[in-house]
C-alpha atoms as a PDB file:
ATOM      1  CA  UNK A   1      31.786  -4.417 -16.123  1.00  0.00           C
ATOM      2  CA  UNK A   2      29.495  -3.373 -13.696  1.00  0.00           C
ATOM      3  CA  UNK A   3      31.239  -3.308 -10.186  1.00  0.00           C
ATOM      4  CA  UNK A   4      35.015  -3.714 -11.495  1.00  0.00           C
ATOM      5  CA  UNK A   5      37.447  -2.107  -8.447  1.00  0.00           C
ATOM      6  CA  UNK A   6      40.680  -1.814  -9.687  1.00  0.00           C
ATOM      7  CA  UNK A   7      42.423  -3.798  -7.188  1.00  0.00           C
ATOM      8  CA  UNK A   8      45.318  -2.889  -4.626  1.00  0.00           C
ATOM      9  CA  UNK A   9      48.837  -4.552  -6.112  1.00  0.00           C
ATOM     10  CA  UNK A  10      51.807  -5.167  -3.676  1.00  0.00           C
ATOM     11  CA  UNK A  11      55.347  -4.571  -4.428  1.00  0.00           C
ATOM     12  CA  UNK A  12      57.017  -7.372  -6.375  1.00  0.00           C
ATOM     13  CA  UNK A  13      60.484  -8.046  -7.384  1.00  0.00           C
ATOM     14  CA  UNK A  14      61.986  -9.336 -11.062  1.00  0.00           C
ATOM     15  CA  UNK A  15      61.967 -12.377  -9.180  1.00  0.00           C
ATOM     16  CA  UNK A  16      58.725 -12.582  -8.189  1.00  0.00           C
ATOM     17  CA  UNK A  17      57.540 -12.013 -11.735  1.00  0.00           C
ATOM     18  CA  UNK A  18      59.956 -14.882 -12.950  1.00  0.00           C
ATOM     19  CA  UNK A  19      58.461 -17.164  -9.837  1.00  0.00           C
ATOM     20  CA  UNK A  20      54.778 -15.933 -10.644  1.00  0.00           C
ATOM     21  CA  UNK A  21      55.116 -16.278 -14.662  1.00  0.00           C
ATOM     22  CA  UNK A  22      56.225 -20.045 -14.412  1.00  0.00           C
ATOM     23  CA  UNK A  23      53.397 -20.605 -12.117  1.00  0.00           C
ATOM     24  CA  UNK A  24      50.701 -19.474 -14.694  1.00  0.00           C
ATOM     25  CA  UNK A  25      52.404 -21.510 -17.265  1.00  0.00           C
ATOM     26  CA  UNK A  26      51.864 -24.580 -14.693  1.00  0.00           C
ATOM     27  CA  UNK A  27      48.135 -23.476 -14.217  1.00  0.00           C
ATOM     28  CA  UNK A  28      48.087 -23.376 -18.034  1.00  0.00           C
ATOM     29  CA  UNK A  29      49.658 -26.803 -18.801  1.00  0.00           C
ATOM     30  CA  UNK A  30      47.998 -28.276 -15.443  1.00  0.00           C
ATOM     31  CA  UNK A  31      44.477 -26.984 -15.256  1.00  0.00           C
ATOM     32  CA  UNK A  32      41.910 -27.776 -12.733  1.00  0.00           C
ATOM     33  CA  UNK A  33      39.088 -30.751 -13.887  1.00  0.00           C
ATOM     34  CA  UNK A  34      36.596 -29.154 -16.518  1.00  0.00           C
ATOM     35  CA  UNK A  35      38.772 -26.017 -16.781  1.00  0.00           C
ATOM     36  CA  UNK A  36      37.957 -25.376 -19.775  1.00  0.00           C
ATOM     37  CA  UNK A  37      36.366 -22.860 -22.568  1.00  0.00           C
ATOM     38  CA  UNK A  38      33.402 -22.294 -21.627  1.00  0.00           C
ATOM     39  CA  UNK A  39      32.857 -24.015 -18.429  1.00  0.00           C
ATOM     40  CA  UNK A  40      30.232 -22.768 -15.875  1.00  0.00           C
ATOM     41  CA  UNK A  41      32.962 -20.631 -14.183  1.00  0.00           C
ATOM     42  CA  UNK A  42      34.600 -19.174 -17.326  1.00  0.00           C
ATOM     43  CA  UNK A  43      34.366 -15.649 -18.608  1.00  0.00           C
ATOM     44  CA  UNK A  44      32.706 -15.996 -22.021  1.00  0.00           C
ATOM     45  CA  UNK A  45      35.564 -14.843 -23.827  1.00  0.00           C
ATOM     46  CA  UNK A  46      38.220 -14.836 -20.959  1.00  0.00           C
ATOM     47  CA  UNK A  47      41.486 -16.223 -21.721  1.00  0.00           C
ATOM     48  CA  UNK A  48      42.604 -18.875 -19.366  1.00  0.00           C
ATOM     49  CA  UNK A  49      46.289 -18.735 -18.373  1.00  0.00           C
ATOM     50  CA  UNK A  50      48.047 -21.508 -21.536  1.00  0.00           C
ATOM     51  CA  UNK A  51      45.843 -19.500 -23.928  1.00  0.00           C
ATOM     52  CA  UNK A  52      42.772 -21.085 -23.736  1.00  0.00           C
ATOM     53  CA  UNK A  53      39.879 -18.693 -24.603  1.00  0.00           C
ATOM     54  CA  UNK A  54      36.458 -18.535 -24.116  1.00  0.00           C
ATOM     55  CA  UNK A  55      34.431 -18.324 -26.825  1.00  0.00           C
ATOM     56  CA  UNK A  56      36.974 -21.110 -28.494  1.00  0.00           C
ATOM     57  CA  UNK A  57      35.017 -24.718 -28.747  1.00  0.00           C
ATOM     58  CA  UNK A  58      35.316 -26.678 -24.960  1.00  0.00           C
ATOM     59  CA  UNK A  59      38.545 -28.641 -24.523  1.00  0.00           C
ATOM     60  CA  UNK A  60      38.065 -32.238 -23.452  1.00  0.00           C
ATOM     61  CA  UNK A  61      37.818 -33.255 -20.610  1.00  0.00           C
ATOM     62  CA  UNK A  62      40.454 -35.596 -18.422  1.00  0.00           C
ATOM     63  CA  UNK A  63      40.012 -39.124 -18.278  1.00  0.00           C
ATOM     64  CA  UNK A  64      39.225 -39.187 -14.841  1.00  0.00           C
ATOM     65  CA  UNK A  65      37.382 -35.991 -14.654  1.00  0.00           C
ATOM     66  CA  UNK A  66      33.369 -35.154 -15.471  1.00  0.00           C
ATOM     67  CA  UNK A  67      33.021 -33.329 -18.261  1.00  0.00           C
ATOM     68  CA  UNK A  68      32.778 -29.926 -18.791  1.00  0.00           C
ATOM     69  CA  UNK A  69      28.923 -29.010 -19.906  1.00  0.00           C
ATOM     70  CA  UNK A  70      28.382 -28.143 -23.670  1.00  0.00           C
ATOM     71  CA  UNK A  71      26.012 -26.118 -23.529  1.00  0.00           C
ATOM     72  CA  UNK A  72      26.092 -23.678 -20.598  1.00  0.00           C
ATOM     73  CA  UNK A  73      24.696 -20.242 -20.462  1.00  0.00           C
ATOM     74  CA  UNK A  74      27.024 -17.864 -19.898  1.00  0.00           C
ATOM     75  CA  UNK A  75      27.885 -16.292 -16.270  1.00  0.00           C
ATOM     76  CA  UNK A  76      27.073 -13.057 -16.005  1.00  0.00           C
ATOM     77  CA  UNK A  77      30.199 -10.512 -14.761  1.00  0.00           C
ATOM     78  CA  UNK A  78      28.905 -10.725 -11.197  1.00  0.00           C
ATOM     79  CA  UNK A  79      26.433 -13.063 -10.272  1.00  0.00           C
ATOM     80  CA  UNK A  80      23.930 -11.749  -7.271  1.00  0.00           C
ATOM     81  CA  UNK A  81      22.782 -13.942  -4.657  1.00  0.00           C
ATOM     82  CA  UNK A  82      18.871 -15.323  -4.816  1.00  0.00           C
ATOM     83  CA  UNK A  83      17.633 -12.200  -3.042  1.00  0.00           C
ATOM     84  CA  UNK A  84      18.510 -10.082  -5.137  1.00  0.00           C
ATOM     85  CA  UNK A  85      21.458  -8.425  -3.594  1.00  0.00           C
ATOM     86  CA  UNK A  86      24.939  -7.895  -4.246  1.00  0.00           C
ATOM     87  CA  UNK A  87      27.872  -9.257  -2.736  1.00  0.00           C
ATOM     88  CA  UNK A  88      31.760  -8.309  -3.438  1.00  0.00           C
ATOM     89  CA  UNK A  89      34.359 -10.860  -3.365  1.00  0.00           C
ATOM     90  CA  UNK A  90      36.408 -12.201  -0.472  1.00  0.00           C
ATOM     91  CA  UNK A  91      39.205  -9.950  -1.493  1.00  0.00           C
ATOM     92  CA  UNK A  92      36.878  -6.733  -1.512  1.00  0.00           C
ATOM     93  CA  UNK A  93      38.898  -3.598  -0.342  1.00  0.00           C
ATOM     94  CA  UNK A  94      41.436  -5.441   0.626  1.00  0.00           C
ATOM     95  CA  UNK A  95      45.624  -6.170  -0.706  1.00  0.00           C
ATOM     96  CA  UNK A  96      45.137  -7.401  -4.708  1.00  0.00           C
ATOM     97  CA  UNK A  97      48.406  -9.309  -4.732  1.00  0.00           C
ATOM     98  CA  UNK A  98      49.505 -12.433  -5.639  1.00  0.00           C
ATOM     99  CA  UNK A  99      48.688 -14.950  -2.835  1.00  0.00           C
ATOM    100  CA  UNK A 100      45.287 -13.264  -2.333  1.00  0.00           C
ATOM    101  CA  UNK A 101      44.911 -14.392  -6.100  1.00  0.00           C
ATOM    102  CA  UNK A 102      46.103 -17.849  -5.076  1.00  0.00           C
ATOM    103  CA  UNK A 103      43.420 -18.558  -3.092  1.00  0.00           C
ATOM    104  CA  UNK A 104      40.655 -17.499  -4.577  1.00  0.00           C
ATOM    105  CA  UNK A 105      42.171 -20.012  -7.603  1.00  0.00           C
ATOM    106  CA  UNK A 106      42.698 -22.744  -5.069  1.00  0.00           C
ATOM    107  CA  UNK A 107      38.672 -22.041  -4.618  1.00  0.00           C
ATOM    108  CA  UNK A 108      37.821 -21.589  -7.987  1.00  0.00           C
ATOM    109  CA  UNK A 109      35.478 -24.406  -8.752  1.00  0.00           C
ATOM    110  CA  UNK A 110      35.405 -24.116 -13.060  1.00  0.00           C
ATOM    111  CA  UNK A 111      32.255 -26.543 -13.056  1.00  0.00           C
ATOM    112  CA  UNK A 112      29.990 -24.367 -11.155  1.00  0.00           C
ATOM    113  CA  UNK A 113      28.943 -20.969 -12.417  1.00  0.00           C
ATOM    114  CA  UNK A 114      31.041 -17.743 -12.032  1.00  0.00           C
ATOM    115  CA  UNK A 115      29.806 -14.894  -9.644  1.00  0.00           C
ATOM    116  CA  UNK A 116      32.189 -13.059  -7.205  1.00  0.00           C
ATOM    117  CA  UNK A 117      33.230 -15.062  -5.005  1.00  0.00           C
ATOM    118  CA  UNK A 118      33.965 -17.994  -8.060  1.00  0.00           C
ATOM    119  CA  UNK A 119      36.016 -16.955 -10.227  1.00  0.00           C
ATOM    120  CA  UNK A 120      39.682 -17.484 -12.188  1.00  0.00           C
ATOM    121  CA  UNK A 121      41.486 -14.549 -11.355  1.00  0.00           C
ATOM    122  CA  UNK A 122      43.884 -15.374 -13.746  1.00  0.00           C
ATOM    123  CA  UNK A 123      41.762 -15.081 -17.056  1.00  0.00           C
ATOM    124  CA  UNK A 124      42.083 -11.866 -19.029  1.00  0.00           C
ATOM    125  CA  UNK A 125      39.204 -10.292 -21.034  1.00  0.00           C
ATOM    126  CA  UNK A 126      40.419  -8.038 -23.439  1.00  0.00           C
ATOM    127  CA  UNK A 127      43.549  -7.456 -22.369  1.00  0.00           C
ATOM    128  CA  UNK A 128      42.906  -7.080 -18.653  1.00  0.00           C
ATOM    129  CA  UNK A 129      42.968  -8.996 -15.896  1.00  0.00           C
ATOM    130  CA  UNK A 130      39.539  -9.100 -12.915  1.00  0.00           C
ATOM    131  CA  UNK A 131      39.697  -7.496  -9.828  1.00  0.00           C
ATOM    132  CA  UNK A 132      38.623  -9.139  -6.403  1.00  0.00           C
ATOM    133  CA  UNK A 133      35.287  -9.217  -7.301  1.00  0.00           C
ATOM    134  CA  UNK A 134      36.230 -11.063 -10.860  1.00  0.00           C
ATOM    135  CA  UNK A 135      34.820  -8.496 -12.650  1.00  0.00           C
ATOM    136  CA  UNK A 136      36.755  -6.013 -15.704  1.00  0.00           C
ATOM    137  CA  UNK A 137      36.963  -2.659 -16.523  1.00  0.00           C
ATOM    138  CA  UNK A 138      34.308  -0.963 -18.461  1.00  0.00           C
ATOM    139  CA  UNK A 139      31.734  -3.636 -16.433  1.00  0.00           C
ATOM    140  CA  UNK A 140      29.222  -2.793 -14.112  1.00  0.00           C
ATOM    141  CA  UNK A 141      30.102  -1.955 -10.460  1.00  0.00           C
ATOM    142  CA  UNK A 142      33.498  -1.294 -11.198  1.00  0.00           C
ATOM    143  CA  UNK A 143      35.599   0.218  -8.362  1.00  0.00           C
ATOM    144  CA  UNK A 144      39.152   1.845  -8.905  1.00  0.00           C
ATOM    145  CA  UNK A 145      40.999   1.416  -5.780  1.00  0.00           C
ATOM    146  CA  UNK A 146      44.268   2.465  -4.219  1.00  0.00           C
ATOM    147  CA  UNK A 147      47.615   1.612  -5.657  1.00  0.00           C
ATOM    148  CA  UNK A 148      50.987   0.594  -4.808  1.00  0.00           C
ATOM    149  CA  UNK A 149      52.089  -0.208  -0.764  1.00  0.00           C
ATOM    150  CA  UNK A 150      52.242   2.851   0.832  1.00  0.00           C
ATOM    151  CA  UNK A 151      52.190   3.817   4.775  1.00  0.00           C
ATOM    152  CA  UNK A 152      50.265   6.193   6.847  1.00  0.00           C
ATOM    153  CA  UNK A 153      53.137   9.357   6.149  1.00  0.00           C
ATOM    154  CA  UNK A 154      52.846   8.717   2.548  1.00  0.00           C
ATOM    155  CA  UNK A 155      49.290   8.234   2.334  1.00  0.00           C
ATOM    156  CA  UNK A 156      48.922  12.276   4.238  1.00  0.00           C
ATOM    157  CA  UNK A 157      52.100  13.904   2.481  1.00  0.00           C
ATOM    158  CA  UNK A 158      50.482  12.996  -0.620  1.00  0.00           C
ATOM    159  CA  UNK A 159      47.300  14.079   0.232  1.00  0.00           C
ATOM    160  CA  UNK A 160      48.750  17.282   1.284  1.00  0.00           C
ATOM    161  CA  UNK A 161      50.028  17.631  -2.078  1.00  0.00           C
ATOM    162  CA  UNK A 162      47.186  17.004  -3.775  1.00  0.00           C
ATOM    163  CA  UNK A 163      44.829  19.962  -1.829  1.00  0.00           C
ATOM    164  CA  UNK A 164      48.478  22.222  -2.319  1.00  0.00           C
ATOM    165  CA  UNK A 165      47.992  21.743  -6.497  1.00  0.00           C
ATOM    166  CA  UNK A 166      44.123  22.383  -6.060  1.00  0.00           C
ATOM    167  CA  UNK A 167      44.767  25.599  -4.107  1.00  0.00           C
ATOM    168  CA  UNK A 168      47.691  26.463  -6.883  1.00  0.00           C
ATOM    169  CA  UNK A 169      47.045  25.321  -9.703  1.00  0.00           C
ATOM    170  CA  UNK A 170      48.898  25.796 -12.937  1.00  0.00           C
ATOM    171  CA  UNK A 171      48.075  28.760 -14.848  1.00  0.00           C
ATOM    172  CA  UNK A 172      45.671  28.304 -17.462  1.00  0.00           C
ATOM    173  CA  UNK A 173      44.438  24.251 -15.554  1.00  0.00           C
ATOM    174  CA  UNK A 174      41.217  25.401 -15.201  1.00  0.00           C
ATOM    175  CA  UNK A 175      37.552  23.633 -15.957  1.00  0.00           C
ATOM    176  CA  UNK A 176      37.357  23.421 -19.808  1.00  0.00           C
ATOM    177  CA  UNK A 177      40.897  23.922 -20.494  1.00  0.00           C
ATOM    178  CA  UNK A 178      42.752  21.822 -23.168  1.00  0.00           C
ATOM    179  CA  UNK A 179      44.134  19.762 -21.309  1.00  0.00           C
ATOM    180  CA  UNK A 180      41.851  18.834 -19.349  1.00  0.00           C
ATOM    181  CA  UNK A 181      39.412  15.734 -19.539  1.00  0.00           C
ATOM    182  CA  UNK A 182      35.861  16.443 -20.589  1.00  0.00           C
ATOM    183  CA  UNK A 183      33.868  16.152 -17.616  1.00  0.00           C
ATOM    184  CA  UNK A 184      36.670  14.818 -15.388  1.00  0.00           C
ATOM    185  CA  UNK A 185      37.499  16.981 -12.116  1.00  0.00           C
ATOM    186  CA  UNK A 186      41.007  18.037 -11.139  1.00  0.00           C
ATOM    187  CA  UNK A 187      42.536  18.034  -7.647  1.00  0.00           C
ATOM    188  CA  UNK A 188      40.333  20.488  -5.336  1.00  0.00           C
ATOM    189  CA  UNK A 189      37.470  19.681  -7.318  1.00  0.00           C
ATOM    190  CA  UNK A 190      36.693  21.816  -9.825  1.00  0.00           C
ATOM    191  CA  UNK A 191      34.102  19.851 -12.549  1.00  0.00           C
ATOM    192  CA  UNK A 192      35.804  20.122 -16.477  1.00  0.00           C
ATOM    193  CA  UNK A 193      32.236  20.438 -17.519  1.00  0.00           C
ATOM    194  CA  UNK A 194      31.356  23.626 -15.122  1.00  0.00           C
ATOM    195  CA  UNK A 195      32.087  26.783 -16.538  1.00  0.00           C
ATOM    196  CA  UNK A 196      35.928  28.160 -17.090  1.00  0.00           C
ATOM    197  CA  UNK A 197      36.975  29.761 -13.602  1.00  0.00           C
ATOM    198  CA  UNK A 198      38.936  32.959 -13.785  1.00  0.00           C
ATOM    199  CA  UNK A 199      42.524  33.255 -14.990  1.00  0.00           C
ATOM    200  CA  UNK A 200      45.080  34.898 -12.435  1.00  0.00           C
ATOM    201  CA  UNK A 201      45.481  38.153 -13.509  1.00  0.00           C
ATOM    202  CA  UNK A 202      49.083  37.496 -14.993  1.00  0.00           C
ATOM    203  CA  UNK A 203      48.012  34.408 -15.957  1.00  0.00           C
ATOM    204  CA  UNK A 204      46.891  33.644 -20.010  1.00  0.00           C
ATOM    205  CA  UNK A 205      43.087  33.365 -19.890  1.00  0.00           C
ATOM    206  CA  UNK A 206      41.912  29.296 -20.358  1.00  0.00           C
ATOM    207  CA  UNK A 207      39.877  29.197 -23.525  1.00  0.00           C
ATOM    208  CA  UNK A 208      36.081  29.929 -23.402  1.00  0.00           C
ATOM    209  CA  UNK A 209      34.582  27.301 -26.374  1.00  0.00           C
ATOM    210  CA  UNK A 210      37.891  24.638 -26.744  1.00  0.00           C
ATOM    211  CA  UNK A 211      36.661  21.615 -28.432  1.00  0.00           C
ATOM    212  CA  UNK A 212      36.723  18.761 -25.832  1.00  0.00           C
ATOM    213  CA  UNK A 213      40.355  16.739 -26.699  1.00  0.00           C
ATOM    214  CA  UNK A 214      40.030  13.396 -27.200  1.00  0.00           C
ATOM    215  CA  UNK A 215      40.443  10.795 -24.124  1.00  0.00           C
ATOM    216  CA  UNK A 216      43.776   9.530 -25.938  1.00  0.00           C
ATOM    217  CA  UNK A 217      45.357  12.016 -29.111  1.00  0.00           C
ATOM    218  CA  UNK A 218      46.872  10.678 -32.047  1.00  0.00           C
ATOM    219  CA  UNK A 219      50.234  11.740 -33.696  1.00  0.00           C
ATOM    220  CA  UNK A 220      49.595  13.549 -37.367  1.00  0.00           C
ATOM    221  CA  UNK A 221      50.554  10.681 -38.734  1.00  0.00           C
ATOM    222  CA  UNK A 222      48.257   7.969 -37.280  1.00  0.00           C
ATOM    223  CA  UNK A 223      49.283   5.983 -35.388  1.00  0.00           C
ATOM    224  CA  UNK A 224      48.997   5.986 -31.645  1.00  0.00           C
ATOM    225  CA  UNK A 225      51.707   6.496 -28.500  1.00  0.00           C
ATOM    226  CA  UNK A 226      50.965   5.294 -25.439  1.00  0.00           C
ATOM    227  CA  UNK A 227      52.510   7.755 -22.231  1.00  0.00           C
ATOM    228  CA  UNK A 228      55.771   7.733 -20.868  1.00  0.00           C
ATOM    229  CA  UNK A 229      55.285   5.348 -17.988  1.00  0.00           C
ATOM    230  CA  UNK A 230      53.092   2.526 -19.718  1.00  0.00           C
ATOM    231  CA  UNK A 231      54.143  -0.962 -18.517  1.00  0.00           C
ATOM    232  CA  UNK A 232      55.989   0.378 -16.325  1.00  0.00           C
ATOM    233  CA  UNK A 233      55.415   1.588 -12.732  1.00  0.00           C
ATOM    234  CA  UNK A 234      52.249   4.520 -12.040  1.00  0.00           C
ATOM    235  CA  UNK A 235      53.183   5.693  -8.792  1.00  0.00           C
ATOM    236  CA  UNK A 236      53.622   8.590  -7.057  1.00  0.00           C
ATOM    237  CA  UNK A 237      56.825  10.082  -8.172  1.00  0.00           C
ATOM    238  CA  UNK A 238      55.426   8.825 -12.016  1.00  0.00           C
ATOM    239  CA  UNK A 239      52.639  10.960 -10.750  1.00  0.00           C
ATOM    240  CA  UNK A 240      54.706  14.010 -10.038  1.00  0.00           C
ATOM    241  CA  UNK A 241      56.824  13.683 -13.351  1.00  0.00           C
ATOM    242  CA  UNK A 242      53.655  13.565 -15.398  1.00  0.00           C
ATOM    243  CA  UNK A 243      52.035  16.613 -13.598  1.00  0.00           C
ATOM    244  CA  UNK A 244      55.290  18.487 -13.808  1.00  0.00           C
ATOM    245  CA  UNK A 245      55.518  18.482 -17.620  1.00  0.00           C
ATOM    246  CA  UNK A 246      51.778  19.155 -17.857  1.00  0.00           C
ATOM    247  CA  UNK A 247      50.357  22.133 -19.846  1.00  0.00           C
ATOM    248  CA  UNK A 248      46.920  22.822 -19.491  1.00  0.00           C
ATOM    249  CA  UNK A 249      47.136  25.246 -22.861  1.00  0.00           C
ATOM    250  CA  UNK A 250      47.692  22.652 -24.727  1.00  0.00           C
ATOM    251  CA  UNK A 251      45.378  20.087 -26.096  1.00  0.00           C
ATOM    252  CA  UNK A 252      45.182  16.715 -24.046  1.00  0.00           C
ATOM    253  CA  UNK A 253      47.292  13.659 -24.999  1.00  0.00           C
ATOM    254  CA  UNK A 254      48.651  10.476 -23.554  1.00  0.00           C
ATOM    255  CA  UNK A 255      51.972  12.337 -22.977  1.00  0.00           C
ATOM    256  CA  UNK A 256      49.914  15.685 -21.468  1.00  0.00           C
ATOM    257  CA  UNK A 257      47.588  15.878 -19.221  1.00  0.00           C
ATOM    258  CA  UNK A 258      46.970  15.706 -15.390  1.00  0.00           C
ATOM    259  CA  UNK A 259      47.017  12.494 -13.474  1.00  0.00           C
ATOM    260  CA  UNK A 260      45.853  13.873 -10.803  1.00  0.00           C
ATOM    261  CA  UNK A 261      42.611  14.225 -12.613  1.00  0.00           C
ATOM    262  CA  UNK A 262      39.515  12.207 -12.263  1.00  0.00           C
ATOM    263  CA  UNK A 263      36.647  10.984 -13.944  1.00  0.00           C
ATOM    264  CA  UNK A 264      33.646   9.769 -12.802  1.00  0.00           C
ATOM    265  CA  UNK A 265      35.571   8.667  -9.381  1.00  0.00           C
ATOM    266  CA  UNK A 266      38.467   7.174 -11.287  1.00  0.00           C
ATOM    267  CA  UNK A 267      41.993   7.949 -12.146  1.00  0.00           C
ATOM    268  CA  UNK A 268      43.552   8.062 -15.200  1.00  0.00           C
ATOM    269  CA  UNK A 269      46.173   5.303 -16.777  1.00  0.00           C
ATOM    270  CA  UNK A 270      49.727   6.091 -17.214  1.00  0.00           C
ATOM    271  CA  UNK A 271      48.217   7.192 -20.863  1.00  0.00           C
ATOM    272  CA  UNK A 272      45.595   9.409 -19.292  1.00  0.00           C
ATOM    273  CA  UNK A 273      43.059   7.130 -20.644  1.00  0.00           C
ATOM    274  CA  UNK A 274      40.277   6.060 -17.920  1.00  0.00           C
ATOM    275  CA  UNK A 275      38.381   2.730 -17.471  1.00  0.00           C
ATOM    276  CA  UNK A 276      36.319   2.184 -19.824  1.00  0.00           C
ATOM    277  CA  UNK A 277      38.175   3.583 -22.999  1.00  0.00           C
ATOM    278  CA  UNK A 278      39.186   2.528 -25.673  1.00  0.00           C
ATOM    279  CA  UNK A 279      42.951   1.289 -24.793  1.00  0.00           C
ATOM    280  CA  UNK A 280      42.828   1.396 -21.211  1.00  0.00           C
ATOM    281  CA  UNK A 281      45.836  -0.476 -19.664  1.00  0.00           C
ATOM    282  CA  UNK A 282      44.982  -1.713 -15.917  1.00  0.00           C
ATOM    283  CA  UNK A 283      48.812   0.388 -14.460  1.00  0.00           C
END
């Protein structure tokens, strides 16, 4: 969706995950008054905690609650103020952890049209969770943010490493090589749509007219396999591991890609898939 920003996420342990799971189940069993499929504050097509789909018939409101509107027009993914300007959510460019989501949920009014500051942060859409402004991957204004908790020294170390990778790429790692994302950008600024860079003297030359590889190549039997770190922590150590195994001269796939290659300003997920592409999973 337009203006989606992939949020910063705090580190959680197993007990925290269990506590959050229990809380979501409690929210699903005890929704706010008016929090039903099709209510103005829901995402059209979204899924509430507890499984309520926004496209289904609205659930009956509790006896003491105001009835949910029957034919409310779907609210846009990110409503703009009356003056035409756009305002991101309260936690835009801040840590988007469970405490922040609890705060946004507490302020969410299901009976007020959905906006960047009035949305259910626990509502999913096509398997994805919203960012800190209620926007989903593939929608206008999506932004891909930092992931995981890092200190300043870690950030500097990672920045230096990316600069080193850009200055000393793998043999064959040039714009247009089979293992790159068509239109992507390598560390160091190499664009996959540009003319291939000259290969080092001792390196195998990069293909001149390689056909663009699909974002996520499927095995020969037609099945689909996600990447090595699918549904696991996708941090810098994991990316280092995937980069070490990446072969720029082998067609790009979910297990052969450059995790530091960006595409339209976004970084890939743990299978080399970018926001807005089929099978993208918010890591």
